[in-house]
Amino acid sequence: MGTYYNPGTEVQTVGRKLNDKGPDGSDYEKLMAQLQEGEVLFGVVDVFVAERNPVRAMHIQSQDDLTGTWRAHWQGYYKILGFYAVPRTKAEQGCGSRLP
């Protein structure tokens, strides 16, 4: 699977909200441990760049996705709003389009 870029509201609709330590201290292992069979981890973020973008979500495959990769894709300020377990089948149907 690739890394996805989605409207956050769609992920919030198809996903199950997970508990985490908060926007700045999210524990990747703790988040992964909450996934059930057939689910993948998405994070929903509020992104501020040159112009205001809608809330987006990203499929998190690794600790790197949770930290550095997000900054690399959206070179600007972002705030993590929450983490969701999304059924893999929904993610594969493309809750959104792939990142460039």
PDB file of N, CA and C in Angstrom:
ATOM      1  N   MET A   1       0.832  -1.189   0.000  1.00  0.00           N
ATOM      2  CA  MET A   1       0.000   0.000   0.000  1.00  0.00           C
ATOM      3  C   MET A   1       0.869   1.242   0.000  1.00  0.00           C
ATOM      4  N   GLY A   2       0.376   2.272  -0.584  1.00  0.00           N
ATOM      5  CA  GLY A   2       1.129   3.515  -0.552  1.00  0.00           C
ATOM      6  C   GLY A   2       0.703   4.365   0.630  1.00  0.00           C
ATOM      7  N   THR A   3       1.253   5.544   0.668  1.00  0.00           N
ATOM      8  CA  THR A   3       0.826   6.518   1.662  1.00  0.00           C
ATOM      9  C   THR A   3      -0.277   7.344   1.018  1.00  0.00           C
ATOM     10  N   TYR A   4      -1.355   7.566   1.741  1.00  0.00           N
ATOM     11  CA  TYR A   4      -2.500   8.258   1.159  1.00  0.00           C
ATOM     12  C   TYR A   4      -2.701   9.634   1.739  1.00  0.00           C
ATOM     13  N   TYR A   5      -3.446  10.421   1.001  1.00  0.00           N
ATOM     14  CA  TYR A   5      -3.737  11.802   1.365  1.00  0.00           C
ATOM     15  C   TYR A   5      -5.241  11.950   1.183  1.00  0.00           C
ATOM     16  N   ASN A   6      -5.958  12.165   2.250  1.00  0.00           N
ATOM     17  CA  ASN A   6      -7.415  12.116   2.186  1.00  0.00           C
ATOM     18  C   ASN A   6      -8.089  13.250   2.909  1.00  0.00           C
ATOM     19  N   PRO A   7      -9.342  13.515   2.528  1.00  0.00           N
ATOM     20  CA  PRO A   7     -10.125  14.408   3.372  1.00  0.00           C
ATOM     21  C   PRO A   7     -10.290  13.735   4.737  1.00  0.00           C
ATOM     22  N   GLY A   8      -9.987  14.442   5.793  1.00  0.00           N
ATOM     23  CA  GLY A   8     -10.057  13.851   7.130  1.00  0.00           C
ATOM     24  C   GLY A   8     -11.449  13.409   7.509  1.00  0.00           C
ATOM     25  N   THR A   9     -12.466  14.137   7.014  1.00  0.00           N
ATOM     26  CA  THR A   9     -13.825  13.787   7.399  1.00  0.00           C
ATOM     27  C   THR A   9     -14.188  12.392   6.926  1.00  0.00           C
ATOM     28  N   GLU A  10     -13.646  11.985   5.777  1.00  0.00           N
ATOM     29  CA  GLU A  10     -13.952  10.646   5.267  1.00  0.00           C
ATOM     30  C   GLU A  10     -13.324   9.580   6.163  1.00  0.00           C
ATOM     31  N   VAL A  11     -12.102   9.817   6.588  1.00  0.00           N
ATOM     32  CA  VAL A  11     -11.431   8.884   7.488  1.00  0.00           C
ATOM     33  C   VAL A  11     -12.186   8.808   8.815  1.00  0.00           C
ATOM     34  N   GLN A  12     -12.661   9.951   9.276  1.00  0.00           N
ATOM     35  CA  GLN A  12     -13.410   9.979  10.535  1.00  0.00           C
ATOM     36  C   GLN A  12     -14.717   9.209  10.409  1.00  0.00           C
ATOM     37  N   THR A  13     -15.273   9.157   9.201  1.00  0.00           N
ATOM     38  CA  THR A  13     -16.531   8.446   8.969  1.00  0.00           C
ATOM     39  C   THR A  13     -16.312   6.938   8.910  1.00  0.00           C
ATOM     40  N   VAL A  14     -15.264   6.506   8.204  1.00  0.00           N
ATOM     41  CA  VAL A  14     -15.042   5.064   8.020  1.00  0.00           C
ATOM     42  C   VAL A  14     -14.139   4.469   9.096  1.00  0.00           C
ATOM     43  N   GLY A  15     -13.454   5.328   9.864  1.00  0.00           N
ATOM     44  CA  GLY A  15     -12.489   4.835  10.841  1.00  0.00           C
ATOM     45  C   GLY A  15     -12.996   4.832  12.271  1.00  0.00           C
ATOM     46  N   ARG A  16     -12.214   4.201  13.118  1.00  0.00           N
ATOM     47  CA  ARG A  16     -12.497   4.100  14.555  1.00  0.00           C
ATOM     48  C   ARG A  16     -11.445   4.927  15.281  1.00  0.00           C
ATOM     49  N   LYS A  17     -11.875   5.889  16.113  1.00  0.00           N
ATOM     50  CA  LYS A  17     -10.930   6.781  16.795  1.00  0.00           C
ATOM     51  C   LYS A  17     -10.105   6.017  17.825  1.00  0.00           C
ATOM     52  N   LEU A  18      -8.804   6.298  17.829  1.00  0.00           N
ATOM     53  CA  LEU A  18      -7.894   5.645  18.766  1.00  0.00           C
ATOM     54  C   LEU A  18      -7.452   6.632  19.845  1.00  0.00           C
ATOM     55  N   ASN A  19      -7.026   6.096  20.967  1.00  0.00           N
ATOM     56  CA  ASN A  19      -6.478   6.932  22.041  1.00  0.00           C
ATOM     57  C   ASN A  19      -4.986   7.089  21.828  1.00  0.00           C
ATOM     58  N   ASP A  20      -4.469   8.282  22.100  1.00  0.00           N
ATOM     59  CA  ASP A  20      -3.029   8.506  22.007  1.00  0.00           C
ATOM     60  C   ASP A  20      -2.625   9.516  23.062  1.00  0.00           C
ATOM     61  N   LYS A  21      -1.346   9.805  23.154  1.00  0.00           N
ATOM     62  CA  LYS A  21      -0.845  10.684  24.204  1.00  0.00           C
ATOM     63  C   LYS A  21      -1.020  12.159  23.883  1.00  0.00           C
ATOM     64  N   GLY A  22      -1.528  12.467  22.704  1.00  0.00           N
ATOM     65  CA  GLY A  22      -1.730  13.874  22.356  1.00  0.00           C
ATOM     66  C   GLY A  22      -0.976  14.264  21.109  1.00  0.00           C
ATOM     67  N   PRO A  23      -1.264  15.434  20.558  1.00  0.00           N
ATOM     68  CA  PRO A  23      -0.712  15.867  19.278  1.00  0.00           C
ATOM     69  C   PRO A  23       0.808  15.869  19.206  1.00  0.00           C
ATOM     70  N   ASP A  24       1.469  16.175  20.328  1.00  0.00           N
ATOM     71  CA  ASP A  24       2.925  16.318  20.249  1.00  0.00           C
ATOM     72  C   ASP A  24       3.693  15.121  20.799  1.00  0.00           C
ATOM     73  N   GLY A  25       2.990  14.190  21.441  1.00  0.00           N
ATOM     74  CA  GLY A  25       3.704  13.055  22.038  1.00  0.00           C
ATOM     75  C   GLY A  25       3.051  11.730  21.713  1.00  0.00           C
ATOM     76  N   SER A  26       2.630  11.563  20.466  1.00  0.00           N
ATOM     77  CA  SER A  26       1.934  10.338  20.086  1.00  0.00           C
ATOM     78  C   SER A  26       2.882   9.153  20.092  1.00  0.00           C
ATOM     79  N   ASP A  27       2.430   8.072  20.658  1.00  0.00           N
ATOM     80  CA  ASP A  27       3.226   6.864  20.815  1.00  0.00           C
ATOM     81  C   ASP A  27       2.840   5.873  19.710  1.00  0.00           C
ATOM     82  N   TYR A  28       3.734   5.708  18.739  1.00  0.00           N
ATOM     83  CA  TYR A  28       3.464   4.865  17.573  1.00  0.00           C
ATOM     84  C   TYR A  28       3.109   3.433  17.977  1.00  0.00           C
ATOM     85  N   GLU A  29       3.908   2.860  18.892  1.00  0.00           N
ATOM     86  CA  GLU A  29       3.665   1.465  19.293  1.00  0.00           C
ATOM     87  C   GLU A  29       2.297   1.319  19.973  1.00  0.00           C
ATOM     88  N   LYS A  30       1.956   2.305  20.790  1.00  0.00           N
ATOM     89  CA  LYS A  30       0.675   2.282  21.498  1.00  0.00           C
ATOM     90  C   LYS A  30      -0.483   2.364  20.498  1.00  0.00           C
ATOM     91  N   LEU A  31      -0.305   3.199  19.474  1.00  0.00           N
ATOM     92  CA  LEU A  31      -1.335   3.330  18.449  1.00  0.00           C
ATOM     93  C   LEU A  31      -1.481   2.026  17.658  1.00  0.00           C
ATOM     94  N   MET A  32      -0.348   1.449  17.251  1.00  0.00           N
ATOM     95  CA  MET A  32      -0.374   0.220  16.455  1.00  0.00           C
ATOM     96  C   MET A  32      -1.009  -0.934  17.234  1.00  0.00           C
ATOM     97  N   ALA A  33      -0.785  -0.943  18.543  1.00  0.00           N
ATOM     98  CA  ALA A  33      -1.316  -2.021  19.385  1.00  0.00           C
ATOM     99  C   ALA A  33      -2.845  -2.001  19.439  1.00  0.00           C
ATOM    100  N   GLN A  34      -3.442  -0.859  19.120  1.00  0.00           N
ATOM    101  CA  GLN A  34      -4.904  -0.743  19.155  1.00  0.00           C
ATOM    102  C   GLN A  34      -5.575  -1.202  17.867  1.00  0.00           C
ATOM    103  N   LEU A  35      -4.783  -1.453  16.827  1.00  0.00           N
ATOM    104  CA  LEU A  35      -5.362  -1.889  15.552  1.00  0.00           C
ATOM    105  C   LEU A  35      -5.866  -3.320  15.656  1.00  0.00           C
ATOM    106  N   GLN A  36      -6.990  -3.582  15.016  1.00  0.00           N
ATOM    107  CA  GLN A  36      -7.520  -4.930  14.943  1.00  0.00           C
ATOM    108  C   GLN A  36      -7.169  -5.514  13.578  1.00  0.00           C
ATOM    109  N   GLU A  37      -7.421  -6.794  13.434  1.00  0.00           N
ATOM    110  CA  GLU A  37      -7.145  -7.480  12.170  1.00  0.00           C
ATOM    111  C   GLU A  37      -7.771  -6.722  11.007  1.00  0.00           C
ATOM    112  N   GLY A  38      -6.973  -6.468   9.974  1.00  0.00           N
ATOM    113  CA  GLY A  38      -7.499  -5.826   8.768  1.00  0.00           C
ATOM    114  C   GLY A  38      -7.626  -4.314   8.831  1.00  0.00           C
ATOM    115  N   GLU A  39      -7.038  -3.688   9.865  1.00  0.00           N
ATOM    116  CA  GLU A  39      -7.103  -2.234   9.957  1.00  0.00           C
ATOM    117  C   GLU A  39      -5.725  -1.612   9.733  1.00  0.00           C
ATOM    118  N   VAL A  40      -5.723  -0.375   9.250  1.00  0.00           N
ATOM    119  CA  VAL A  40      -4.476   0.374   9.080  1.00  0.00           C
ATOM    120  C   VAL A  40      -4.628   1.699   9.827  1.00  0.00           C
ATOM    121  N   LEU A  41      -3.493   2.308  10.157  1.00  0.00           N
ATOM    122  CA  LEU A  41      -3.487   3.524  10.965  1.00  0.00           C
ATOM    123  C   LEU A  41      -3.460   4.784  10.107  1.00  0.00           C
ATOM    124  N   PHE A  42      -4.393   5.697  10.386  1.00  0.00           N
ATOM    125  CA  PHE A  42      -4.418   6.999   9.735  1.00  0.00           C
ATOM    126  C   PHE A  42      -4.349   8.085  10.792  1.00  0.00           C
ATOM    127  N   GLY A  43      -3.672   9.168  10.461  1.00  0.00           N
ATOM    128  CA  GLY A  43      -3.666  10.344  11.323  1.00  0.00           C
ATOM    129  C   GLY A  43      -4.368  11.467  10.588  1.00  0.00           C
ATOM    130  N   VAL A  44      -5.202  12.205  11.303  1.00  0.00           N
ATOM    131  CA  VAL A  44      -5.908  13.334  10.715  1.00  0.00           C
ATOM    132  C   VAL A  44      -5.230  14.611  11.182  1.00  0.00           C
ATOM    133  N   VAL A  45      -4.912  15.478  10.233  1.00  0.00           N
ATOM    134  CA  VAL A  45      -4.193  16.703  10.577  1.00  0.00           C
ATOM    135  C   VAL A  45      -4.892  17.938  10.027  1.00  0.00           C
ATOM    136  N   ASP A  46      -4.655  19.040  10.705  1.00  0.00           N
ATOM    137  CA  ASP A  46      -5.100  20.346  10.238  1.00  0.00           C
ATOM    138  C   ASP A  46      -3.836  21.005   9.690  1.00  0.00           C
ATOM    139  N   VAL A  47      -3.844  21.371   8.417  1.00  0.00           N
ATOM    140  CA  VAL A  47      -2.622  21.844   7.770  1.00  0.00           C
ATOM    141  C   VAL A  47      -2.727  23.331   7.422  1.00  0.00           C
ATOM    142  N   PHE A  48      -1.687  24.075   7.788  1.00  0.00           N
ATOM    143  CA  PHE A  48      -1.633  25.494   7.426  1.00  0.00           C
ATOM    144  C   PHE A  48      -0.413  25.681   6.535  1.00  0.00           C
ATOM    145  N   VAL A  49      -0.637  26.033   5.279  1.00  0.00           N
ATOM    146  CA  VAL A  49       0.486  26.341   4.391  1.00  0.00           C
ATOM    147  C   VAL A  49       0.242  27.743   3.832  1.00  0.00           C
ATOM    148  N   ALA A  50       0.568  27.968   2.568  1.00  0.00           N
ATOM    149  CA  ALA A  50       0.385  29.307   1.995  1.00  0.00           C
ATOM    150  C   ALA A  50      -1.082  29.738   2.093  1.00  0.00           C
ATOM    151  N   GLU A  51      -1.984  28.778   1.875  1.00  0.00           N
ATOM    152  CA  GLU A  51      -3.399  29.074   2.052  1.00  0.00           C
ATOM    153  C   GLU A  51      -3.990  27.966   2.906  1.00  0.00           C
ATOM    154  N   ARG A  52      -5.103  28.225   3.493  1.00  0.00           N
ATOM    155  CA  ARG A  52      -5.718  27.246   4.393  1.00  0.00           C
ATOM    156  C   ARG A  52      -6.199  26.031   3.588  1.00  0.00           C
ATOM    157  N   ASN A  53      -5.741  24.857   3.972  1.00  0.00           N
ATOM    158  CA  ASN A  53      -6.176  23.630   3.318  1.00  0.00           C
ATOM    159  C   ASN A  53      -7.201  22.930   4.191  1.00  0.00           C
ATOM    160  N   PRO A  54      -8.048  22.107   3.587  1.00  0.00           N
ATOM    161  CA  PRO A  54      -8.966  21.324   4.417  1.00  0.00           C
ATOM    162  C   PRO A  54      -8.174  20.337   5.275  1.00  0.00           C
ATOM    163  N   VAL A  55      -8.825  19.799   6.271  1.00  0.00           N
ATOM    164  CA  VAL A  55      -8.209  18.757   7.094  1.00  0.00           C
ATOM    165  C   VAL A  55      -7.838  17.591   6.191  1.00  0.00           C
ATOM    166  N   ARG A  56      -6.653  17.004   6.427  1.00  0.00           N
ATOM    167  CA  ARG A  56      -6.185  15.875   5.627  1.00  0.00           C
ATOM    168  C   ARG A  56      -5.854  14.692   6.531  1.00  0.00           C
ATOM    169  N   ALA A  57      -5.761  13.536   5.943  1.00  0.00           N
ATOM    170  CA  ALA A  57      -5.376  12.358   6.701  1.00  0.00           C
ATOM    171  C   ALA A  57      -4.312  11.599   5.939  1.00  0.00           C
ATOM    172  N   MET A  58      -3.474  10.922   6.681  1.00  0.00           N
ATOM    173  CA  MET A  58      -2.366  10.199   6.065  1.00  0.00           C
ATOM    174  C   MET A  58      -2.261   8.810   6.652  1.00  0.00           C
ATOM    175  N   HIS A  59      -2.072   7.842   5.777  1.00  0.00           N
ATOM    176  CA  HIS A  59      -1.867   6.456   6.190  1.00  0.00           C
ATOM    177  C   HIS A  59      -0.472   6.343   6.791  1.00  0.00           C
ATOM    178  N   ILE A  60      -0.411   5.945   8.051  1.00  0.00           N
ATOM    179  CA  ILE A  60       0.860   5.858   8.762  1.00  0.00           C
ATOM    180  C   ILE A  60       1.352   4.415   8.741  1.00  0.00           C
ATOM    181  N   GLN A  61       2.499   4.196   8.106  1.00  0.00           N
ATOM    182  CA  GLN A  61       3.037   2.842   8.018  1.00  0.00           C
ATOM    183  C   GLN A  61       4.201   2.626   8.966  1.00  0.00           C
ATOM    184  N   SER A  62       4.775   3.707   9.450  1.00  0.00           N
ATOM    185  CA  SER A  62       5.967   3.585  10.291  1.00  0.00           C
ATOM    186  C   SER A  62       6.091   4.784  11.214  1.00  0.00           C
ATOM    187  N   GLN A  63       6.994   4.681  12.162  1.00  0.00           N
ATOM    188  CA  GLN A  63       7.283   5.799  13.056  1.00  0.00           C
ATOM    189  C   GLN A  63       7.711   7.021  12.243  1.00  0.00           C
ATOM    190  N   ASP A  64       8.414   6.790  11.149  1.00  0.00           N
ATOM    191  CA  ASP A  64       8.879   7.896  10.306  1.00  0.00           C
ATOM    192  C   ASP A  64       7.701   8.664   9.703  1.00  0.00           C
ATOM    193  N   ASP A  65       6.645   7.938   9.330  1.00  0.00           N
ATOM    194  CA  ASP A  65       5.464   8.601   8.792  1.00  0.00           C
ATOM    195  C   ASP A  65       4.830   9.507   9.839  1.00  0.00           C
ATOM    196  N   LEU A  66       4.927   9.085  11.097  1.00  0.00           N
ATOM    197  CA  LEU A  66       4.311   9.838  12.187  1.00  0.00           C
ATOM    198  C   LEU A  66       5.073  11.119  12.491  1.00  0.00           C
ATOM    199  N   THR A  67       6.334  11.168  12.095  1.00  0.00           N
ATOM    200  CA  THR A  67       7.156  12.333  12.435  1.00  0.00           C
ATOM    201  C   THR A  67       7.661  13.042  11.186  1.00  0.00           C
ATOM    202  N   GLY A  68       8.838  12.701  10.718  1.00  0.00           N
ATOM    203  CA  GLY A  68       9.494  13.441   9.642  1.00  0.00           C
ATOM    204  C   GLY A  68       8.768  13.498   8.324  1.00  0.00           C
ATOM    205  N   THR A  69       8.127  12.417   7.926  1.00  0.00           N
ATOM    206  CA  THR A  69       7.489  12.376   6.613  1.00  0.00           C
ATOM    207  C   THR A  69       6.383  13.411   6.502  1.00  0.00           C
ATOM    208  N   TRP A  70       5.640  13.600   7.580  1.00  0.00           N
ATOM    209  CA  TRP A  70       4.554  14.575   7.540  1.00  0.00           C
ATOM    210  C   TRP A  70       5.102  15.959   7.265  1.00  0.00           C
ATOM    211  N   ARG A  71       6.200  16.309   7.922  1.00  0.00           N
ATOM    212  CA  ARG A  71       6.791  17.634   7.731  1.00  0.00           C
ATOM    213  C   ARG A  71       7.325  17.787   6.311  1.00  0.00           C
ATOM    214  N   ALA A  72       7.858  16.724   5.781  1.00  0.00           N
ATOM    215  CA  ALA A  72       8.424  16.779   4.431  1.00  0.00           C
ATOM    216  C   ALA A  72       7.330  17.044   3.395  1.00  0.00           C
ATOM    217  N   HIS A  73       6.170  16.407   3.558  1.00  0.00           N
ATOM    218  CA  HIS A  73       5.094  16.567   2.583  1.00  0.00           C
ATOM    219  C   HIS A  73       4.419  17.927   2.673  1.00  0.00           C
ATOM    220  N   TRP A  74       4.233  18.407   3.884  1.00  0.00           N
ATOM    221  CA  TRP A  74       3.551  19.686   4.059  1.00  0.00           C
ATOM    222  C   TRP A  74       4.496  20.655   4.735  1.00  0.00           C
ATOM    223  N   GLN A  75       5.380  21.261   3.988  1.00  0.00           N
ATOM    224  CA  GLN A  75       6.379  22.117   4.604  1.00  0.00           C
ATOM    225  C   GLN A  75       5.677  23.337   5.164  1.00  0.00           C
ATOM    226  N   GLY A  76       5.191  23.190   6.321  1.00  0.00           N
ATOM    227  CA  GLY A  76       4.454  24.255   6.972  1.00  0.00           C
ATOM    228  C   GLY A  76       3.989  23.736   8.307  1.00  0.00           C
ATOM    229  N   TYR A  77       3.136  24.471   8.944  1.00  0.00           N
ATOM    230  CA  TYR A  77       2.658  24.090  10.253  1.00  0.00           C
ATOM    231  C   TYR A  77       1.514  23.093  10.115  1.00  0.00           C
ATOM    232  N   TYR A  78       1.505  22.081  10.947  1.00  0.00           N
ATOM    233  CA  TYR A  78       0.355  21.195  10.989  1.00  0.00           C
ATOM    234  C   TYR A  78       0.090  20.806  12.431  1.00  0.00           C
ATOM    235  N   LYS A  79      -1.138  20.421  12.695  1.00  0.00           N
ATOM    236  CA  LYS A  79      -1.546  19.996  14.029  1.00  0.00           C
ATOM    237  C   LYS A  79      -2.271  18.667  13.869  1.00  0.00           C
ATOM    238  N   ILE A  80      -1.838  17.661  14.608  1.00  0.00           N
ATOM    239  CA  ILE A  80      -2.502  16.360  14.539  1.00  0.00           C
ATOM    240  C   ILE A  80      -3.797  16.437  15.346  1.00  0.00           C
ATOM    241  N   LEU A  81      -4.900  16.120  14.702  1.00  0.00           N
ATOM    242  CA  LEU A  81      -6.207  16.203  15.354  1.00  0.00           C
ATOM    243  C   LEU A  81      -6.646  14.868  15.936  1.00  0.00           C
ATOM    244  N   GLY A  82      -6.103  13.777  15.425  1.00  0.00           N
ATOM    245  CA  GLY A  82      -6.512  12.485  15.958  1.00  0.00           C
ATOM    246  C   GLY A  82      -6.033  11.343  15.086  1.00  0.00           C
ATOM    247  N   PHE A  83      -6.099  10.145  15.642  1.00  0.00           N
ATOM    248  CA  PHE A  83      -5.673   8.941  14.940  1.00  0.00           C
ATOM    249  C   PHE A  83      -6.843   7.979  14.826  1.00  0.00           C
ATOM    250  N   TYR A  84      -6.919   7.319  13.681  1.00  0.00           N
ATOM    251  CA  TYR A  84      -8.041   6.436  13.391  1.00  0.00           C
ATOM    252  C   TYR A  84      -7.576   5.096  12.837  1.00  0.00           C
ATOM    253  N   ALA A  85      -8.291   4.046  13.221  1.00  0.00           N
ATOM    254  CA  ALA A  85      -8.089   2.726  12.631  1.00  0.00           C
ATOM    255  C   ALA A  85      -9.084   2.631  11.478  1.00  0.00           C
ATOM    256  N   VAL A  86      -8.575   2.457  10.269  1.00  0.00           N
ATOM    257  CA  VAL A  86      -9.424   2.405   9.074  1.00  0.00           C
ATOM    258  C   VAL A  86      -9.329   1.007   8.467  1.00  0.00           C
ATOM    259  N   PRO A  87     -10.458   0.396   8.111  1.00  0.00           N
ATOM    260  CA  PRO A  87     -10.400  -0.921   7.481  1.00  0.00           C
ATOM    261  C   PRO A  87      -9.526  -0.867   6.225  1.00  0.00           C
ATOM    262  N   ARG A  88      -8.633  -1.846   6.091  1.00  0.00           N
ATOM    263  CA  ARG A  88      -7.721  -1.871   4.942  1.00  0.00           C
ATOM    264  C   ARG A  88      -8.478  -1.842   3.623  1.00  0.00           C
ATOM    265  N   THR A  89      -9.631  -2.487   3.573  1.00  0.00           N
ATOM    266  CA  THR A  89     -10.408  -2.509   2.324  1.00  0.00           C
ATOM    267  C   THR A  89     -10.840  -1.096   1.939  1.00  0.00           C
ATOM    268  N   LYS A  90     -11.219  -0.287   2.929  1.00  0.00           N
ATOM    269  CA  LYS A  90     -11.614   1.102   2.655  1.00  0.00           C
ATOM    270  C   LYS A  90     -10.401   1.912   2.197  1.00  0.00           C
ATOM    271  N   ALA A  91      -9.263   1.683   2.850  1.00  0.00           N
ATOM    272  CA  ALA A  91      -8.049   2.415   2.487  1.00  0.00           C
ATOM    273  C   ALA A  91      -7.632   2.065   1.061  1.00  0.00           C
ATOM    274  N   GLU A  92      -7.759   0.778   0.695  1.00  0.00           N
ATOM    275  CA  GLU A  92      -7.355   0.342  -0.642  1.00  0.00           C
ATOM    276  C   GLU A  92      -8.300   0.871  -1.710  1.00  0.00           C
ATOM    277  N   GLN A  93      -9.556   1.128  -1.330  1.00  0.00           N
ATOM    278  CA  GLN A  93     -10.504   1.715  -2.287  1.00  0.00           C
ATOM    279  C   GLN A  93     -10.139   3.170  -2.532  1.00  0.00           C
ATOM    280  N   GLY A  94      -9.216   3.686  -1.713  1.00  0.00           N
ATOM    281  CA  GLY A  94      -8.759   5.050  -1.893  1.00  0.00           C
ATOM    282  C   GLY A  94      -9.711   6.034  -1.264  1.00  0.00           C
ATOM    283  N   CYS A  95      -9.601   6.191   0.056  1.00  0.00           N
ATOM    284  CA  CYS A  95     -10.388   7.220   0.740  1.00  0.00           C
ATOM    285  C   CYS A  95     -10.063   8.557   0.078  1.00  0.00           C
ATOM    286  N   GLY A  96      -8.960   8.633  -0.629  1.00  0.00           N
ATOM    287  CA  GLY A  96      -8.554   9.859  -1.303  1.00  0.00           C
ATOM    288  C   GLY A  96      -7.548   9.537  -2.387  1.00  0.00           C
ATOM    289  N   SER A  97      -6.767  10.523  -2.777  1.00  0.00           N
ATOM    290  CA  SER A  97      -5.777  10.287  -3.826  1.00  0.00           C
ATOM    291  C   SER A  97      -4.397  10.103  -3.209  1.00  0.00           C
ATOM    292  N   ARG A  98      -3.499   9.488  -3.955  1.00  0.00           N
ATOM    293  CA  ARG A  98      -2.136   9.283  -3.453  1.00  0.00           C
ATOM    294  C   ARG A  98      -1.381  10.598  -3.391  1.00  0.00           C
ATOM    295  N   LEU A  99      -0.458  10.644  -2.471  1.00  0.00           N
ATOM    296  CA  LEU A  99       0.414  11.819  -2.410  1.00  0.00           C
ATOM    297  C   LEU A  99       1.268  11.866  -3.670  1.00  0.00           C
ATOM    298  N   PRO A 100       1.583  13.064  -4.139  1.00  0.00           N
ATOM    299  CA  PRO A 100       2.444  13.166  -5.333  1.00  0.00           C
ATOM    300  C   PRO A 100       3.850  12.640  -5.038  1.00  0.00           C
TER     301      PRO A 100
END
